[in-house]
């Protein structure tokens, strides 16, 4: 089942990550705003040239992250970056404002015409290096309704990476709640950290629990495991393995993107 109508022709669309460098206002910002924007646009172009079917922009460089509300300067520069990306590609764009500012992601998506947002903790509560991250569904869904923004889809993590549940619950129950009580349009299953592979057994558990809602793999997709994961998931979100030398700090390598897309196409042909 496709996350968006525009992906209806793809058995398993691939969404390429744009890891934005540190933005103004964050400790790692290097003071060169034109270079920052150029890097994000270059990654977007490289991903598009390699054949991905969507893009996901996040403020990856803004560590240490705010647990929930980010300052206005972050929202402003994320919107500016998203606008730049939208000027250079017509691929469906998603927004993720780390660590869990779902309202900001929705506002940016609404302003720039993005297709979806990613929410790390939509339901429940998690303990991370930022402290306690709490579910955002109760206000996010109301805000989306107020904006008449139901066309902006919500993809939500379960057992989100770099975090642990405040009170452990069965994975199937949490995933089902995210869709049926939290209003998620799709679910993301990830590994324990950025670039870490998702557990195949967990992926199967979540798919069974939330069917017919789509389930995407949100980390650790590589050339070596892409065929297996593409056959099991409804979409792949890929970032680290598409960078030069597979290093998250490096720019996107179009050749790596094209090779991954070739493997995914072969694995999903006829499914």
C-alpha atoms as a PDB file:
ATOM      1  CA  UNK A   1       0.000   0.000   0.000  1.00  0.00           C
ATOM      2  CA  UNK A   2       1.480   3.345  -1.070  1.00  0.00           C
ATOM      3  CA  UNK A   3       2.013   6.139   1.427  1.00  0.00           C
ATOM      4  CA  UNK A   4       0.971   8.757  -1.125  1.00  0.00           C
ATOM      5  CA  UNK A   5      -1.095   8.560  -4.337  1.00  0.00           C
ATOM      6  CA  UNK A   6       1.907   9.822  -6.306  1.00  0.00           C
ATOM      7  CA  UNK A   7       3.729   6.618  -5.339  1.00  0.00           C
ATOM      8  CA  UNK A   8       0.930   4.314  -6.474  1.00  0.00           C
ATOM      9  CA  UNK A   9       3.085   3.009  -9.343  1.00  0.00           C
ATOM     10  CA  UNK A  10       5.879   1.922  -6.984  1.00  0.00           C
ATOM     11  CA  UNK A  11       5.791  -1.271  -4.960  1.00  0.00           C
ATOM     12  CA  UNK A  12       8.385   0.073  -2.492  1.00  0.00           C
ATOM     13  CA  UNK A  13       9.260   3.762  -2.949  1.00  0.00           C
ATOM     14  CA  UNK A  14      12.656   4.927  -1.738  1.00  0.00           C
ATOM     15  CA  UNK A  15      12.846   8.195   0.208  1.00  0.00           C
ATOM     16  CA  UNK A  16      16.289   9.774   0.319  1.00  0.00           C
ATOM     17  CA  UNK A  17      17.440  11.656   3.420  1.00  0.00           C
ATOM     18  CA  UNK A  18      18.698  15.223   3.291  1.00  0.00           C
ATOM     19  CA  UNK A  19      20.687  15.601   6.510  1.00  0.00           C
ATOM     20  CA  UNK A  20      20.843  19.379   6.908  1.00  0.00           C
ATOM     21  CA  UNK A  21      24.063  20.681   8.473  1.00  0.00           C
ATOM     22  CA  UNK A  22      23.839  22.644  11.713  1.00  0.00           C
ATOM     23  CA  UNK A  23      21.459  25.566  11.262  1.00  0.00           C
ATOM     24  CA  UNK A  24      21.858  29.113  12.626  1.00  0.00           C
ATOM     25  CA  UNK A  25      21.151  29.116  16.352  1.00  0.00           C
ATOM     26  CA  UNK A  26      22.628  25.664  16.960  1.00  0.00           C
ATOM     27  CA  UNK A  27      26.105  25.110  18.452  1.00  0.00           C
ATOM     28  CA  UNK A  28      27.547  23.542  15.318  1.00  0.00           C
ATOM     29  CA  UNK A  29      26.584  26.280  12.858  1.00  0.00           C
ATOM     30  CA  UNK A  30      29.718  27.305  10.950  1.00  0.00           C
ATOM     31  CA  UNK A  31      28.525  30.767   9.943  1.00  0.00           C
ATOM     32  CA  UNK A  32      28.314  30.102   6.205  1.00  0.00           C
ATOM     33  CA  UNK A  33      24.615  30.079   5.330  1.00  0.00           C
ATOM     34  CA  UNK A  34      25.079  29.953   1.534  1.00  0.00           C
ATOM     35  CA  UNK A  35      27.300  26.870   1.892  1.00  0.00           C
ATOM     36  CA  UNK A  36      24.736  25.223   4.154  1.00  0.00           C
ATOM     37  CA  UNK A  37      21.964  25.739   1.620  1.00  0.00           C
ATOM     38  CA  UNK A  38      24.185  24.638  -1.245  1.00  0.00           C
ATOM     39  CA  UNK A  39      24.979  21.382   0.557  1.00  0.00           C
ATOM     40  CA  UNK A  40      21.305  20.566   1.114  1.00  0.00           C
ATOM     41  CA  UNK A  41      20.404  21.350  -2.486  1.00  0.00           C
ATOM     42  CA  UNK A  42      23.358  19.319  -3.787  1.00  0.00           C
ATOM     43  CA  UNK A  43      22.198  16.290  -1.798  1.00  0.00           C
ATOM     44  CA  UNK A  44      18.643  16.734  -3.081  1.00  0.00           C
ATOM     45  CA  UNK A  45      19.862  16.891  -6.679  1.00  0.00           C
ATOM     46  CA  UNK A  46      22.128  13.866  -6.237  1.00  0.00           C
ATOM     47  CA  UNK A  47      19.309  11.815  -4.726  1.00  0.00           C
ATOM     48  CA  UNK A  48      16.953  12.809  -7.531  1.00  0.00           C
ATOM     49  CA  UNK A  49      19.567  12.019 -10.173  1.00  0.00           C
ATOM     50  CA  UNK A  50      20.054   8.588  -8.618  1.00  0.00           C
ATOM     51  CA  UNK A  51      16.345   7.839  -8.974  1.00  0.00           C
ATOM     52  CA  UNK A  52      14.756   8.068  -5.521  1.00  0.00           C
ATOM     53  CA  UNK A  53      11.002   8.643  -5.390  1.00  0.00           C
ATOM     54  CA  UNK A  54      10.936  11.069  -2.447  1.00  0.00           C
ATOM     55  CA  UNK A  55      13.024  13.227  -0.129  1.00  0.00           C
ATOM     56  CA  UNK A  56      13.014  13.790   3.629  1.00  0.00           C
ATOM     57  CA  UNK A  57      14.649  16.900   5.086  1.00  0.00           C
ATOM     58  CA  UNK A  58      15.653  16.997   8.739  1.00  0.00           C
ATOM     59  CA  UNK A  59      17.760  19.290  10.940  1.00  0.00           C
ATOM     60  CA  UNK A  60      20.280  16.513  11.498  1.00  0.00           C
ATOM     61  CA  UNK A  61      23.162  18.816  12.425  1.00  0.00           C
ATOM     62  CA  UNK A  62      21.358  20.638  15.227  1.00  0.00           C
ATOM     63  CA  UNK A  63      22.704  18.520  18.089  1.00  0.00           C
ATOM     64  CA  UNK A  64      22.091  18.665  20.973  1.00  0.00           C
ATOM     65  CA  UNK A  65      18.427  18.590  19.990  1.00  0.00           C
ATOM     66  CA  UNK A  66      15.551  20.221  21.818  1.00  0.00           C
ATOM     67  CA  UNK A  67      13.222  17.492  23.138  1.00  0.00           C
ATOM     68  CA  UNK A  68      10.115  19.139  21.699  1.00  0.00           C
ATOM     69  CA  UNK A  69       9.727  22.803  20.691  1.00  0.00           C
ATOM     70  CA  UNK A  70      12.533  24.260  18.608  1.00  0.00           C
ATOM     71  CA  UNK A  71      13.125  28.042  18.483  1.00  0.00           C
ATOM     72  CA  UNK A  72      11.671  30.199  15.694  1.00  0.00           C
ATOM     73  CA  UNK A  73      15.081  30.534  14.028  1.00  0.00           C
ATOM     74  CA  UNK A  74      15.140  26.787  13.399  1.00  0.00           C
ATOM     75  CA  UNK A  75      11.649  26.792  11.917  1.00  0.00           C
ATOM     76  CA  UNK A  76      12.539  29.724   9.676  1.00  0.00           C
ATOM     77  CA  UNK A  77      15.702  28.152   8.302  1.00  0.00           C
ATOM     78  CA  UNK A  78      14.119  24.735   7.847  1.00  0.00           C
ATOM     79  CA  UNK A  79      11.365  26.412   5.825  1.00  0.00           C
ATOM     80  CA  UNK A  80      13.965  28.266   3.767  1.00  0.00           C
ATOM     81  CA  UNK A  81      15.896  25.047   3.095  1.00  0.00           C
ATOM     82  CA  UNK A  82      12.716  23.201   2.164  1.00  0.00           C
ATOM     83  CA  UNK A  83      11.806  25.982  -0.253  1.00  0.00           C
ATOM     84  CA  UNK A  84      15.255  25.773  -1.867  1.00  0.00           C
ATOM     85  CA  UNK A  85      14.883  22.026  -2.292  1.00  0.00           C
ATOM     86  CA  UNK A  86      11.405  22.415  -3.754  1.00  0.00           C
ATOM     87  CA  UNK A  87      12.830  24.846  -6.333  1.00  0.00           C
ATOM     88  CA  UNK A  88      15.248  22.204  -7.624  1.00  0.00           C
ATOM     89  CA  UNK A  89      13.138  19.029  -7.647  1.00  0.00           C
ATOM     90  CA  UNK A  90       9.479  18.114  -7.838  1.00  0.00           C
ATOM     91  CA  UNK A  91       9.904  14.925  -5.815  1.00  0.00           C
ATOM     92  CA  UNK A  92       7.512  14.539  -2.850  1.00  0.00           C
ATOM     93  CA  UNK A  93       9.194  16.160   0.147  1.00  0.00           C
ATOM     94  CA  UNK A  94       8.896  15.294   3.818  1.00  0.00           C
ATOM     95  CA  UNK A  95       9.913  17.307   6.891  1.00  0.00           C
ATOM     96  CA  UNK A  96      11.254  16.064  10.225  1.00  0.00           C
ATOM     97  CA  UNK A  97      12.091  18.590  12.960  1.00  0.00           C
ATOM     98  CA  UNK A  98      14.275  16.885  15.532  1.00  0.00           C
ATOM     99  CA  UNK A  99      13.883  15.809  18.089  1.00  0.00           C
ATOM    100  CA  UNK A 100      10.105  15.769  18.204  1.00  0.00           C
ATOM    101  CA  UNK A 101       8.634  19.119  17.158  1.00  0.00           C
ATOM    102  CA  UNK A 102       5.735  17.753  15.159  1.00  0.00           C
ATOM    103  CA  UNK A 103       3.882  21.069  15.118  1.00  0.00           C
ATOM    104  CA  UNK A 104       6.884  22.823  13.556  1.00  0.00           C
ATOM    105  CA  UNK A 105       7.241  20.075  10.957  1.00  0.00           C
ATOM    106  CA  UNK A 106       3.569  20.426  10.067  1.00  0.00           C
ATOM    107  CA  UNK A 107       3.812  24.227   9.834  1.00  0.00           C
ATOM    108  CA  UNK A 108       6.830  24.010   7.539  1.00  0.00           C
ATOM    109  CA  UNK A 109       5.191  21.339   5.389  1.00  0.00           C
ATOM    110  CA  UNK A 110       2.039  23.428   5.098  1.00  0.00           C
ATOM    111  CA  UNK A 111       4.025  26.548   4.131  1.00  0.00           C
ATOM    112  CA  UNK A 112       6.215  24.932   1.469  1.00  0.00           C
ATOM    113  CA  UNK A 113       3.794  22.375   0.052  1.00  0.00           C
ATOM    114  CA  UNK A 114       5.540  19.304   1.434  1.00  0.00           C
ATOM    115  CA  UNK A 115       3.780  15.969   1.156  1.00  0.00           C
ATOM    116  CA  UNK A 116       4.433  14.432   4.581  1.00  0.00           C
ATOM    117  CA  UNK A 117       6.091  14.815   7.953  1.00  0.00           C
ATOM    118  CA  UNK A 118       7.956  12.329  10.109  1.00  0.00           C
ATOM    119  CA  UNK A 119       7.210  12.276  13.830  1.00  0.00           C
ATOM    120  CA  UNK A 120       9.623  10.398  16.071  1.00  0.00           C
ATOM    121  CA  UNK A 121       7.226   9.978  19.014  1.00  0.00           C
ATOM    122  CA  UNK A 122       3.584  10.260  17.998  1.00  0.00           C
ATOM    123  CA  UNK A 123       2.178   8.201  20.863  1.00  0.00           C
ATOM    124  CA  UNK A 124       3.602   7.043  24.187  1.00  0.00           C
ATOM    125  CA  UNK A 125       6.740   8.354  25.873  1.00  0.00           C
ATOM    126  CA  UNK A 126      10.428   7.651  25.325  1.00  0.00           C
ATOM    127  CA  UNK A 127      13.635   8.397  27.182  1.00  0.00           C
ATOM    128  CA  UNK A 128      16.438   9.765  24.993  1.00  0.00           C
ATOM    129  CA  UNK A 129      19.547  11.881  25.369  1.00  0.00           C
ATOM    130  CA  UNK A 130      17.201  14.887  25.296  1.00  0.00           C
ATOM    131  CA  UNK A 131      15.242  13.581  28.273  1.00  0.00           C
ATOM    132  CA  UNK A 132      11.633  12.447  28.005  1.00  0.00           C
ATOM    133  CA  UNK A 133       9.973  12.671  24.591  1.00  0.00           C
ATOM    134  CA  UNK A 134       6.191  12.637  24.779  1.00  0.00           C
ATOM    135  CA  UNK A 135       3.557  11.724  22.220  1.00  0.00           C
ATOM    136  CA  UNK A 136       2.452  14.570  19.958  1.00  0.00           C
ATOM    137  CA  UNK A 137      -0.694  13.097  18.421  1.00  0.00           C
ATOM    138  CA  UNK A 138      -3.262  14.930  20.550  1.00  0.00           C
ATOM    139  CA  UNK A 139      -2.257  18.406  19.373  1.00  0.00           C
ATOM    140  CA  UNK A 140      -0.765  17.498  15.986  1.00  0.00           C
ATOM    141  CA  UNK A 141      -3.964  15.978  14.600  1.00  0.00           C
ATOM    142  CA  UNK A 142      -6.014  18.934  15.806  1.00  0.00           C
ATOM    143  CA  UNK A 143      -3.586  21.390  14.260  1.00  0.00           C
ATOM    144  CA  UNK A 144      -3.647  19.529  10.955  1.00  0.00           C
ATOM    145  CA  UNK A 145      -7.443  19.706  10.948  1.00  0.00           C
ATOM    146  CA  UNK A 146      -7.386  23.441  11.731  1.00  0.00           C
ATOM    147  CA  UNK A 147      -5.036  23.972   8.788  1.00  0.00           C
ATOM    148  CA  UNK A 148      -7.223  21.849   6.512  1.00  0.00           C
ATOM    149  CA  UNK A 149      -4.015  19.922   5.957  1.00  0.00           C
ATOM    150  CA  UNK A 150      -5.115  16.298   5.797  1.00  0.00           C
ATOM    151  CA  UNK A 151      -3.207  15.994   2.520  1.00  0.00           C
ATOM    152  CA  UNK A 152      -0.004  16.248   4.594  1.00  0.00           C
ATOM    153  CA  UNK A 153       0.575  12.660   5.684  1.00  0.00           C
ATOM    154  CA  UNK A 154       2.044  11.670   9.051  1.00  0.00           C
ATOM    155  CA  UNK A 155       4.618   8.904   9.180  1.00  0.00           C
ATOM    156  CA  UNK A 156       5.413   7.904  12.750  1.00  0.00           C
ATOM    157  CA  UNK A 157       8.213   5.911  14.310  1.00  0.00           C
ATOM    158  CA  UNK A 158       7.668   3.038  16.689  1.00  0.00           C
ATOM    159  CA  UNK A 159      10.490   2.129  19.079  1.00  0.00           C
ATOM    160  CA  UNK A 160      12.288   5.161  17.669  1.00  0.00           C
ATOM    161  CA  UNK A 161      16.069   5.027  17.363  1.00  0.00           C
ATOM    162  CA  UNK A 162      18.355   6.613  19.965  1.00  0.00           C
ATOM    163  CA  UNK A 163      15.668   6.133  22.627  1.00  0.00           C
ATOM    164  CA  UNK A 164      13.976   3.609  24.894  1.00  0.00           C
ATOM    165  CA  UNK A 165      10.321   3.419  25.966  1.00  0.00           C
ATOM    166  CA  UNK A 166       9.527   4.936  29.324  1.00  0.00           C
ATOM    167  CA  UNK A 167       7.302   1.941  30.018  1.00  0.00           C
ATOM    168  CA  UNK A 168       7.794  -1.026  27.733  1.00  0.00           C
ATOM    169  CA  UNK A 169       4.780  -2.246  25.789  1.00  0.00           C
ATOM    170  CA  UNK A 170       4.449  -4.969  23.167  1.00  0.00           C
ATOM    171  CA  UNK A 171       5.595  -3.607  19.827  1.00  0.00           C
ATOM    172  CA  UNK A 172       2.412  -4.665  18.058  1.00  0.00           C
ATOM    173  CA  UNK A 173       0.247  -2.780  20.558  1.00  0.00           C
ATOM    174  CA  UNK A 174       2.266   0.414  20.261  1.00  0.00           C
ATOM    175  CA  UNK A 175       2.238   0.281  16.472  1.00  0.00           C
ATOM    176  CA  UNK A 176      -1.496  -0.357  16.348  1.00  0.00           C
ATOM    177  CA  UNK A 177      -2.145   2.534  18.738  1.00  0.00           C
ATOM    178  CA  UNK A 178      -0.040   4.880  16.606  1.00  0.00           C
ATOM    179  CA  UNK A 179      -2.335   4.220  13.650  1.00  0.00           C
ATOM    180  CA  UNK A 180      -5.742   3.667  15.252  1.00  0.00           C
ATOM    181  CA  UNK A 181      -5.551   6.089  18.173  1.00  0.00           C
ATOM    182  CA  UNK A 182      -2.692   8.390  17.140  1.00  0.00           C
ATOM    183  CA  UNK A 183      -3.772   8.921  13.545  1.00  0.00           C
ATOM    184  CA  UNK A 184      -0.526   7.921  11.821  1.00  0.00           C
ATOM    185  CA  UNK A 185      -0.858   7.442   8.076  1.00  0.00           C
ATOM    186  CA  UNK A 186       2.186   5.167   7.995  1.00  0.00           C
ATOM    187  CA  UNK A 187       4.642   3.617  10.440  1.00  0.00           C
ATOM    188  CA  UNK A 188       8.446   3.654  10.464  1.00  0.00           C
ATOM    189  CA  UNK A 189      10.534   0.785  11.842  1.00  0.00           C
ATOM    190  CA  UNK A 190      14.200   1.613  12.490  1.00  0.00           C
ATOM    191  CA  UNK A 191      17.291   0.207  14.104  1.00  0.00           C
ATOM    192  CA  UNK A 192      18.719   1.359  17.412  1.00  0.00           C
ATOM    193  CA  UNK A 193      20.680   4.287  15.960  1.00  0.00           C
ATOM    194  CA  UNK A 194      21.288   6.292  12.799  1.00  0.00           C
ATOM    195  CA  UNK A 195      22.436   3.869  10.119  1.00  0.00           C
ATOM    196  CA  UNK A 196      21.665   0.803  12.240  1.00  0.00           C
ATOM    197  CA  UNK A 197      19.613  -1.901  10.495  1.00  0.00           C
ATOM    198  CA  UNK A 198      16.004  -2.552  11.390  1.00  0.00           C
ATOM    199  CA  UNK A 199      15.104  -5.928  12.868  1.00  0.00           C
ATOM    200  CA  UNK A 200      13.298  -8.019  10.261  1.00  0.00           C
ATOM    201  CA  UNK A 201      11.198  -9.772  12.892  1.00  0.00           C
ATOM    202  CA  UNK A 202      10.067  -6.392  14.247  1.00  0.00           C
ATOM    203  CA  UNK A 203       9.231  -5.273  10.731  1.00  0.00           C
ATOM    204  CA  UNK A 204       7.004  -8.303  10.229  1.00  0.00           C
ATOM    205  CA  UNK A 205       5.346  -7.792  13.618  1.00  0.00           C
ATOM    206  CA  UNK A 206       4.521  -4.170  12.856  1.00  0.00           C
ATOM    207  CA  UNK A 207       3.191  -4.931   9.381  1.00  0.00           C
ATOM    208  CA  UNK A 208       0.818  -7.507  10.799  1.00  0.00           C
ATOM    209  CA  UNK A 209      -0.319  -5.148  13.569  1.00  0.00           C
ATOM    210  CA  UNK A 210      -1.107  -2.104  11.416  1.00  0.00           C
ATOM    211  CA  UNK A 211      -2.290  -3.660   8.141  1.00  0.00           C
ATOM    212  CA  UNK A 212      -3.352  -2.119   5.774  1.00  0.00           C
ATOM    213  CA  UNK A 213      -1.389   0.996   6.830  1.00  0.00           C
ATOM    214  CA  UNK A 214       2.012   1.246   5.097  1.00  0.00           C
ATOM    215  CA  UNK A 215       5.209   0.384   6.976  1.00  0.00           C
ATOM    216  CA  UNK A 216       8.567   1.888   6.036  1.00  0.00           C
ATOM    217  CA  UNK A 217      12.083   0.947   7.096  1.00  0.00           C
ATOM    218  CA  UNK A 218      13.675   4.048   8.577  1.00  0.00           C
ATOM    219  CA  UNK A 219      17.372   3.257   9.031  1.00  0.00           C
ATOM    220  CA  UNK A 220      20.139   0.888   8.098  1.00  0.00           C
ATOM    221  CA  UNK A 221      19.119   0.179   4.505  1.00  0.00           C
ATOM    222  CA  UNK A 222      22.199  -0.761   2.465  1.00  0.00           C
ATOM    223  CA  UNK A 223      23.021  -2.321  -0.871  1.00  0.00           C
ATOM    224  CA  UNK A 224      23.498  -5.624   0.961  1.00  0.00           C
ATOM    225  CA  UNK A 225      20.060  -5.778   2.632  1.00  0.00           C
ATOM    226  CA  UNK A 226      17.935  -3.610   0.325  1.00  0.00           C
ATOM    227  CA  UNK A 227      16.498  -6.543  -1.631  1.00  0.00           C
ATOM    228  CA  UNK A 228      15.262  -8.320   1.499  1.00  0.00           C
ATOM    229  CA  UNK A 229      13.841  -5.189   3.086  1.00  0.00           C
ATOM    230  CA  UNK A 230      12.178  -3.965  -0.115  1.00  0.00           C
ATOM    231  CA  UNK A 231      10.318  -7.258  -0.404  1.00  0.00           C
ATOM    232  CA  UNK A 232       8.984  -6.882   3.161  1.00  0.00           C
ATOM    233  CA  UNK A 233       8.335  -3.143   3.522  1.00  0.00           C
ATOM    234  CA  UNK A 234       6.088  -0.596   1.814  1.00  0.00           C
ATOM    235  CA  UNK A 235       8.889   1.958   1.557  1.00  0.00           C
ATOM    236  CA  UNK A 236      12.515   2.603   2.475  1.00  0.00           C
ATOM    237  CA  UNK A 237      14.003   5.759   4.017  1.00  0.00           C
ATOM    238  CA  UNK A 238      17.717   5.796   3.207  1.00  0.00           C
ATOM    239  CA  UNK A 239      20.478   8.205   4.135  1.00  0.00           C
ATOM    240  CA  UNK A 240      23.813   7.068   5.554  1.00  0.00           C
ATOM    241  CA  UNK A 241      24.560   4.278   3.092  1.00  0.00           C
ATOM    242  CA  UNK A 242      24.023   6.639   0.141  1.00  0.00           C
ATOM    243  CA  UNK A 243      26.804   8.984   1.262  1.00  0.00           C
ATOM    244  CA  UNK A 244      30.375   8.823  -0.030  1.00  0.00           C
ATOM    245  CA  UNK A 245      32.145   5.958   1.767  1.00  0.00           C
ATOM    246  CA  UNK A 246      28.907   5.317   3.689  1.00  0.00           C
ATOM    247  CA  UNK A 247      29.755   8.111   6.131  1.00  0.00           C
ATOM    248  CA  UNK A 248      26.833  10.204   7.381  1.00  0.00           C
ATOM    249  CA  UNK A 249      28.926  13.388   7.376  1.00  0.00           C
ATOM    250  CA  UNK A 250      29.693  13.092   3.652  1.00  0.00           C
ATOM    251  CA  UNK A 251      27.595  14.273   0.677  1.00  0.00           C
ATOM    252  CA  UNK A 252      25.322  11.975  -1.305  1.00  0.00           C
ATOM    253  CA  UNK A 253      27.006   9.699  -3.857  1.00  0.00           C
ATOM    254  CA  UNK A 254      24.738   9.445  -6.902  1.00  0.00           C
ATOM    255  CA  UNK A 255      26.362   6.169  -7.965  1.00  0.00           C
ATOM    256  CA  UNK A 256      25.444   4.578  -4.631  1.00  0.00           C
ATOM    257  CA  UNK A 257      21.887   5.859  -5.024  1.00  0.00           C
ATOM    258  CA  UNK A 258      21.556   4.418  -8.529  1.00  0.00           C
ATOM    259  CA  UNK A 259      22.889   1.039  -7.413  1.00  0.00           C
ATOM    260  CA  UNK A 260      20.455   0.863  -4.505  1.00  0.00           C
ATOM    261  CA  UNK A 261      17.572   1.808  -6.787  1.00  0.00           C
ATOM    262  CA  UNK A 262      18.580  -0.929  -9.241  1.00  0.00           C
ATOM    263  CA  UNK A 263      18.519  -3.501  -6.454  1.00  0.00           C
ATOM    264  CA  UNK A 264      15.144  -2.333  -5.114  1.00  0.00           C
ATOM    265  CA  UNK A 265      13.622  -2.389  -8.591  1.00  0.00           C
ATOM    266  CA  UNK A 266      14.839  -5.945  -9.121  1.00  0.00           C
ATOM    267  CA  UNK A 267      13.620  -7.126  -5.734  1.00  0.00           C
ATOM    268  CA  UNK A 268      10.115  -5.706  -6.200  1.00  0.00           C
ATOM    269  CA  UNK A 269       9.559  -6.595  -9.851  1.00  0.00           C
ATOM    270  CA  UNK A 270       6.402  -8.652 -10.106  1.00  0.00           C
ATOM    271  CA  UNK A 271       5.400  -8.236  -6.444  1.00  0.00           C
END
